[in-house]
Amino acid sequence: MNIIASNLLTKREEKRLTQAYLAYLSGMSQPNYSDIERGKTRPSIDQLKKFAEILDVTVDELISESKKQKKPQVRASSKKPREKQSTLIRVIEEKNNYIKKLENELAILRKKED
């Protein structure tokens, strides 16, 4: 399941909406919405905007990893400077990979919109 699908499922369940009702509000069939939520198809940008409006969230919240996943914990410790540097480099690499992943998903969504 991709990030968007996972976030749609989570936000829909938080609002206690059924797939059928969310599909109705967004002007699509329940099977089409289900395909999006299962990651079989990707929503258009317009669909993302509509879902965000219905779920009372931002589009960014639908396309981004959850805050729990986004914030690696770096704590002060007795680690030596070399160990701290390694930890920071690893965190930066993880963030760069996350950015690349989001850029790829955005490119796919833009292609779909055309």
N, C-alpha and C. Protein backbone atom coordinates (compact mmCIF):
# COMPACT_ATOMS: atom_id res chain seq x y z
N MET A 1 0.86 -1.17 0.00
CA MET A 1 0.00 0.00 0.00
C MET A 1 0.91 1.23 0.00
N ASN A 2 0.60 2.21 -0.86
CA ASN A 2 1.43 3.40 -0.91
C ASN A 2 1.01 4.41 0.16
N ILE A 3 1.79 5.45 0.28
CA ILE A 3 1.56 6.45 1.33
C ILE A 3 0.18 7.10 1.20
N ILE A 4 -0.18 7.48 -0.01
CA ILE A 4 -1.47 8.15 -0.22
C ILE A 4 -2.61 7.22 0.17
N ALA A 5 -2.54 5.98 -0.29
CA ALA A 5 -3.60 5.01 0.03
C ALA A 5 -3.70 4.81 1.54
N SER A 6 -2.56 4.65 2.17
CA SER A 6 -2.54 4.45 3.63
C SER A 6 -3.11 5.65 4.37
N ASN A 7 -2.73 6.85 3.94
CA ASN A 7 -3.25 8.06 4.59
C ASN A 7 -4.74 8.24 4.36
N LEU A 8 -5.21 7.92 3.16
CA LEU A 8 -6.65 8.02 2.90
C LEU A 8 -7.42 7.07 3.82
N LEU A 9 -6.95 5.85 3.92
CA LEU A 9 -7.60 4.87 4.80
C LEU A 9 -7.63 5.37 6.24
N THR A 10 -6.50 5.83 6.73
CA THR A 10 -6.40 6.29 8.12
C THR A 10 -7.32 7.47 8.37
N LYS A 11 -7.26 8.48 7.50
CA LYS A 11 -8.08 9.69 7.69
C LYS A 11 -9.57 9.37 7.57
N ARG A 12 -9.93 8.49 6.62
CA ARG A 12 -11.35 8.12 6.45
C ARG A 12 -11.85 7.42 7.70
N GLU A 13 -11.04 6.50 8.22
CA GLU A 13 -11.45 5.78 9.43
C GLU A 13 -11.51 6.71 10.64
N GLU A 14 -10.60 7.69 10.72
CA GLU A 14 -10.64 8.66 11.82
C GLU A 14 -11.95 9.45 11.80
N LYS A 15 -12.45 9.74 10.60
CA LYS A 15 -13.71 10.49 10.45
C LYS A 15 -14.92 9.57 10.51
N ARG A 16 -14.66 8.27 10.62
CA ARG A 16 -15.72 7.25 10.70
C ARG A 16 -16.65 7.29 9.48
N LEU A 17 -16.04 7.41 8.31
CA LEU A 17 -16.79 7.41 7.06
C LEU A 17 -16.60 6.06 6.37
N THR A 18 -17.62 5.62 5.66
CA THR A 18 -17.48 4.41 4.87
C THR A 18 -16.87 4.77 3.52
N GLN A 19 -16.32 3.78 2.84
CA GLN A 19 -15.81 4.02 1.50
C GLN A 19 -16.93 4.51 0.59
N ALA A 20 -18.09 3.90 0.72
CA ALA A 20 -19.21 4.26 -0.14
C ALA A 20 -19.61 5.72 0.06
N TYR A 21 -19.65 6.16 1.31
CA TYR A 21 -20.06 7.54 1.58
C TYR A 21 -19.00 8.53 1.10
N LEU A 22 -17.74 8.23 1.33
CA LEU A 22 -16.68 9.12 0.85
C LEU A 22 -16.67 9.16 -0.68
N ALA A 23 -16.88 8.01 -1.30
CA ALA A 23 -16.96 7.96 -2.76
C ALA A 23 -18.12 8.82 -3.26
N TYR A 24 -19.26 8.69 -2.62
CA TYR A 24 -20.44 9.49 -2.99
C TYR A 24 -20.14 10.98 -2.88
N LEU A 25 -19.55 11.39 -1.75
CA LEU A 25 -19.26 12.81 -1.55
C LEU A 25 -18.25 13.34 -2.57
N SER A 26 -17.37 12.47 -3.03
CA SER A 26 -16.34 12.91 -3.98
C SER A 26 -16.77 12.72 -5.43
N GLY A 27 -17.97 12.17 -5.64
CA GLY A 27 -18.49 12.05 -7.00
C GLY A 27 -17.92 10.88 -7.78
N MET A 28 -17.60 9.81 -7.11
CA MET A 28 -17.07 8.64 -7.80
C MET A 28 -17.75 7.38 -7.25
N SER A 29 -17.53 6.27 -7.93
CA SER A 29 -18.12 5.03 -7.45
C SER A 29 -17.28 4.46 -6.30
N GLN A 30 -17.92 3.64 -5.48
CA GLN A 30 -17.23 3.01 -4.36
C GLN A 30 -16.10 2.10 -4.85
N PRO A 31 -16.31 1.30 -5.91
CA PRO A 31 -15.20 0.46 -6.39
C PRO A 31 -13.98 1.28 -6.85
N ASN A 32 -14.25 2.42 -7.51
CA ASN A 32 -13.13 3.27 -7.94
C ASN A 32 -12.39 3.83 -6.73
N TYR A 33 -13.15 4.27 -5.73
CA TYR A 33 -12.50 4.79 -4.52
C TYR A 33 -11.72 3.68 -3.83
N SER A 34 -12.29 2.49 -3.76
CA SER A 34 -11.63 1.35 -3.13
C SER A 34 -10.28 1.05 -3.81
N ASP A 35 -10.26 1.14 -5.14
CA ASP A 35 -9.01 0.92 -5.88
C ASP A 35 -7.94 1.93 -5.46
N ILE A 36 -8.35 3.17 -5.23
CA ILE A 36 -7.41 4.20 -4.79
C ILE A 36 -6.91 3.88 -3.39
N GLU A 37 -7.81 3.54 -2.51
CA GLU A 37 -7.44 3.29 -1.11
C GLU A 37 -6.59 2.02 -0.96
N ARG A 38 -6.73 1.09 -1.88
CA ARG A 38 -5.91 -0.12 -1.83
C ARG A 38 -4.60 0.06 -2.59
N GLY A 39 -4.43 1.21 -3.24
CA GLY A 39 -3.18 1.48 -3.96
C GLY A 39 -3.15 0.91 -5.37
N LYS A 40 -4.30 0.40 -5.86
CA LYS A 40 -4.34 -0.15 -7.21
C LYS A 40 -4.27 0.96 -8.25
N THR A 41 -4.90 2.10 -7.95
CA THR A 41 -4.84 3.27 -8.83
C THR A 41 -4.48 4.48 -7.99
N ARG A 42 -3.96 5.50 -8.66
CA ARG A 42 -3.57 6.72 -7.96
C ARG A 42 -4.60 7.81 -8.26
N PRO A 43 -4.94 8.60 -7.25
CA PRO A 43 -5.92 9.66 -7.48
C PRO A 43 -5.30 10.81 -8.26
N SER A 44 -6.16 11.53 -8.98
CA SER A 44 -5.70 12.74 -9.67
C SER A 44 -5.51 13.83 -8.63
N ILE A 45 -4.88 14.90 -9.03
CA ILE A 45 -4.70 16.02 -8.12
C ILE A 45 -6.05 16.60 -7.71
N ASP A 46 -6.97 16.68 -8.66
CA ASP A 46 -8.32 17.17 -8.32
C ASP A 46 -9.01 16.25 -7.31
N GLN A 47 -8.84 14.95 -7.48
CA GLN A 47 -9.43 14.02 -6.52
C GLN A 47 -8.79 14.18 -5.15
N LEU A 48 -7.47 14.35 -5.12
CA LEU A 48 -6.79 14.58 -3.84
C LEU A 48 -7.33 15.82 -3.14
N LYS A 49 -7.55 16.88 -3.90
CA LYS A 49 -8.09 18.12 -3.34
C LYS A 49 -9.48 17.87 -2.75
N LYS A 50 -10.30 17.12 -3.48
CA LYS A 50 -11.64 16.82 -3.01
C LYS A 50 -11.61 15.95 -1.75
N PHE A 51 -10.78 14.92 -1.75
CA PHE A 51 -10.65 14.07 -0.56
C PHE A 51 -10.20 14.89 0.64
N ALA A 52 -9.22 15.77 0.42
CA ALA A 52 -8.71 16.61 1.52
C ALA A 52 -9.82 17.48 2.07
N GLU A 53 -10.62 18.04 1.18
CA GLU A 53 -11.73 18.90 1.62
C GLU A 53 -12.74 18.10 2.44
N ILE A 54 -13.10 16.94 1.97
CA ILE A 54 -14.08 16.09 2.66
C ILE A 54 -13.55 15.64 4.02
N LEU A 55 -12.27 15.27 4.05
CA LEU A 55 -11.67 14.74 5.29
C LEU A 55 -11.14 15.84 6.21
N ASP A 56 -11.26 17.08 5.76
CA ASP A 56 -10.82 18.24 6.54
C ASP A 56 -9.34 18.14 6.90
N VAL A 57 -8.54 17.85 5.87
CA VAL A 57 -7.08 17.80 6.01
C VAL A 57 -6.48 18.53 4.82
N THR A 58 -5.18 18.71 4.83
CA THR A 58 -4.51 19.30 3.68
C THR A 58 -4.11 18.19 2.71
N VAL A 59 -3.88 18.57 1.46
CA VAL A 59 -3.38 17.61 0.48
C VAL A 59 -2.03 17.07 0.95
N ASP A 60 -1.24 17.93 1.55
CA ASP A 60 0.06 17.52 2.06
C ASP A 60 -0.08 16.39 3.07
N GLU A 61 -1.10 16.45 3.91
CA GLU A 61 -1.31 15.38 4.89
C GLU A 61 -1.67 14.06 4.21
N LEU A 62 -2.26 14.13 3.02
CA LEU A 62 -2.61 12.91 2.30
C LEU A 62 -1.43 12.32 1.55
N ILE A 63 -0.49 13.15 1.14
CA ILE A 63 0.63 12.64 0.32
C ILE A 63 1.92 12.46 1.11
N SER A 64 1.94 12.87 2.38
CA SER A 64 3.16 12.78 3.18
C SER A 64 3.08 11.64 4.19
N GLU A 65 4.25 11.16 4.58
CA GLU A 65 4.30 10.16 5.63
C GLU A 65 3.80 10.78 6.92
N SER A 66 3.30 9.95 7.81
CA SER A 66 2.78 10.48 9.07
C SER A 66 3.91 11.10 9.87
N LYS A 67 3.55 11.97 10.80
CA LYS A 67 4.54 12.66 11.61
C LYS A 67 5.39 11.68 12.40
N LYS A 68 4.81 10.58 12.82
CA LYS A 68 5.56 9.57 13.57
C LYS A 68 6.69 9.00 12.73
N GLN A 69 6.44 8.83 11.43
CA GLN A 69 7.46 8.27 10.56
C GLN A 69 8.47 9.33 10.12
N LYS A 70 8.04 10.59 10.06
CA LYS A 70 8.89 11.63 9.52
C LYS A 70 9.97 12.12 10.46
N LYS A 71 9.81 11.99 11.76
CA LYS A 71 10.73 12.61 12.70
C LYS A 71 11.58 11.59 13.43
N PRO A 72 12.73 11.25 12.86
CA PRO A 72 13.59 10.34 13.61
C PRO A 72 14.10 11.04 14.86
N GLN A 73 14.22 10.29 15.92
CA GLN A 73 14.64 10.87 17.18
C GLN A 73 16.15 10.87 17.28
N VAL A 74 16.72 12.06 17.40
CA VAL A 74 18.15 12.20 17.65
C VAL A 74 18.27 12.83 19.03
N ARG A 75 18.80 12.06 19.95
CA ARG A 75 18.88 12.52 21.33
C ARG A 75 20.32 12.79 21.71
N ALA A 76 20.47 13.71 22.64
CA ALA A 76 21.81 13.97 23.18
C ALA A 76 22.27 12.72 23.90
N SER A 77 23.51 12.40 23.71
CA SER A 77 24.02 11.20 24.35
C SER A 77 25.51 11.35 24.60
N SER A 78 26.08 10.29 25.09
CA SER A 78 27.51 10.32 25.37
C SER A 78 28.30 9.82 24.17
N LYS A 79 27.65 9.76 23.00
CA LYS A 79 28.35 9.29 21.81
C LYS A 79 29.49 10.24 21.46
N LYS A 80 30.50 9.67 20.89
CA LYS A 80 31.63 10.46 20.43
C LYS A 80 31.21 11.25 19.19
N PRO A 81 31.90 12.36 18.91
CA PRO A 81 31.54 13.17 17.74
C PRO A 81 31.46 12.37 16.44
N ARG A 82 32.32 11.40 16.23
CA ARG A 82 32.32 10.60 15.00
C ARG A 82 31.03 9.79 14.91
N GLU A 83 30.58 9.23 16.03
CA GLU A 83 29.33 8.46 16.06
C GLU A 83 28.14 9.37 15.79
N LYS A 84 28.15 10.57 16.37
CA LYS A 84 27.07 11.52 16.15
C LYS A 84 27.02 11.91 14.68
N GLN A 85 28.18 12.12 14.08
CA GLN A 85 28.24 12.49 12.68
C GLN A 85 27.64 11.38 11.82
N SER A 86 27.95 10.15 12.12
CA SER A 86 27.40 9.02 11.37
C SER A 86 25.89 8.97 11.47
N THR A 87 25.38 9.22 12.67
CA THR A 87 23.93 9.23 12.88
C THR A 87 23.28 10.34 12.05
N LEU A 88 23.88 11.51 12.07
CA LEU A 88 23.33 12.64 11.31
C LEU A 88 23.37 12.37 9.82
N ILE A 89 24.45 11.80 9.34
CA ILE A 89 24.54 11.47 7.91
C ILE A 89 23.46 10.47 7.53
N ARG A 90 23.24 9.47 8.37
CA ARG A 90 22.19 8.47 8.10
C ARG A 90 20.81 9.12 8.04
N VAL A 91 20.53 10.02 8.99
CA VAL A 91 19.23 10.71 9.02
C VAL A 91 19.06 11.56 7.77
N ILE A 92 20.10 12.26 7.37
CA ILE A 92 20.03 13.10 6.16
C ILE A 92 19.79 12.24 4.94
N GLU A 93 20.45 11.10 4.84
CA GLU A 93 20.24 10.19 3.72
C GLU A 93 18.81 9.67 3.69
N GLU A 94 18.27 9.34 4.85
CA GLU A 94 16.87 8.89 4.92
C GLU A 94 15.92 9.98 4.44
N LYS A 95 16.17 11.21 4.86
CA LYS A 95 15.32 12.33 4.43
C LYS A 95 15.44 12.55 2.93
N ASN A 96 16.64 12.46 2.39
CA ASN A 96 16.83 12.63 0.95
C ASN A 96 16.09 11.54 0.18
N ASN A 97 16.14 10.31 0.67
CA ASN A 97 15.40 9.22 0.03
C ASN A 97 13.90 9.47 0.09
N TYR A 98 13.43 9.98 1.20
CA TYR A 98 12.01 10.30 1.36
C TYR A 98 11.60 11.38 0.36
N ILE A 99 12.42 12.41 0.20
CA ILE A 99 12.14 13.49 -0.74
C ILE A 99 12.09 12.95 -2.16
N LYS A 100 13.03 12.10 -2.52
CA LYS A 100 13.03 11.50 -3.87
C LYS A 100 11.77 10.68 -4.09
N LYS A 101 11.36 9.94 -3.07
CA LYS A 101 10.15 9.12 -3.18
C LYS A 101 8.92 10.01 -3.42
N LEU A 102 8.83 11.11 -2.68
CA LEU A 102 7.70 12.04 -2.87
C LEU A 102 7.75 12.69 -4.25
N GLU A 103 8.94 13.04 -4.71
CA GLU A 103 9.07 13.64 -6.04
C GLU A 103 8.61 12.66 -7.11
N ASN A 104 8.96 11.39 -6.95
CA ASN A 104 8.52 10.37 -7.90
C ASN A 104 7.01 10.22 -7.89
N GLU A 105 6.41 10.19 -6.71
CA GLU A 105 4.95 10.07 -6.63
C GLU A 105 4.27 11.29 -7.24
N LEU A 106 4.83 12.47 -7.01
CA LEU A 106 4.27 13.69 -7.58
C LEU A 106 4.37 13.66 -9.10
N ALA A 107 5.48 13.18 -9.64
CA ALA A 107 5.64 13.08 -11.10
C ALA A 107 4.61 12.13 -11.68
N ILE A 108 4.37 11.02 -10.99
CA ILE A 108 3.37 10.05 -11.46
C ILE A 108 1.98 10.69 -11.45
N LEU A 109 1.66 11.42 -10.39
CA LEU A 109 0.36 12.08 -10.31
C LEU A 109 0.20 13.12 -11.40
N ARG A 110 1.25 13.85 -11.68
CA ARG A 110 1.19 14.88 -12.74
C ARG A 110 0.99 14.24 -14.10
N LYS A 111 1.66 13.11 -14.35
CA LYS A 111 1.49 12.41 -15.62
C LYS A 111 0.06 11.92 -15.77
N LYS A 112 -0.49 11.42 -14.66
CA LYS A 112 -1.87 10.94 -14.68
C LYS A 112 -2.85 12.06 -14.99
N GLU A 113 -2.54 13.25 -14.49
CA GLU A 113 -3.44 14.39 -14.68
C GLU A 113 -3.47 14.83 -16.14
N ASP A 114 -2.33 14.68 -16.82
CA ASP A 114 -2.26 15.07 -18.25
C ASP A 114 -3.02 14.07 -19.04
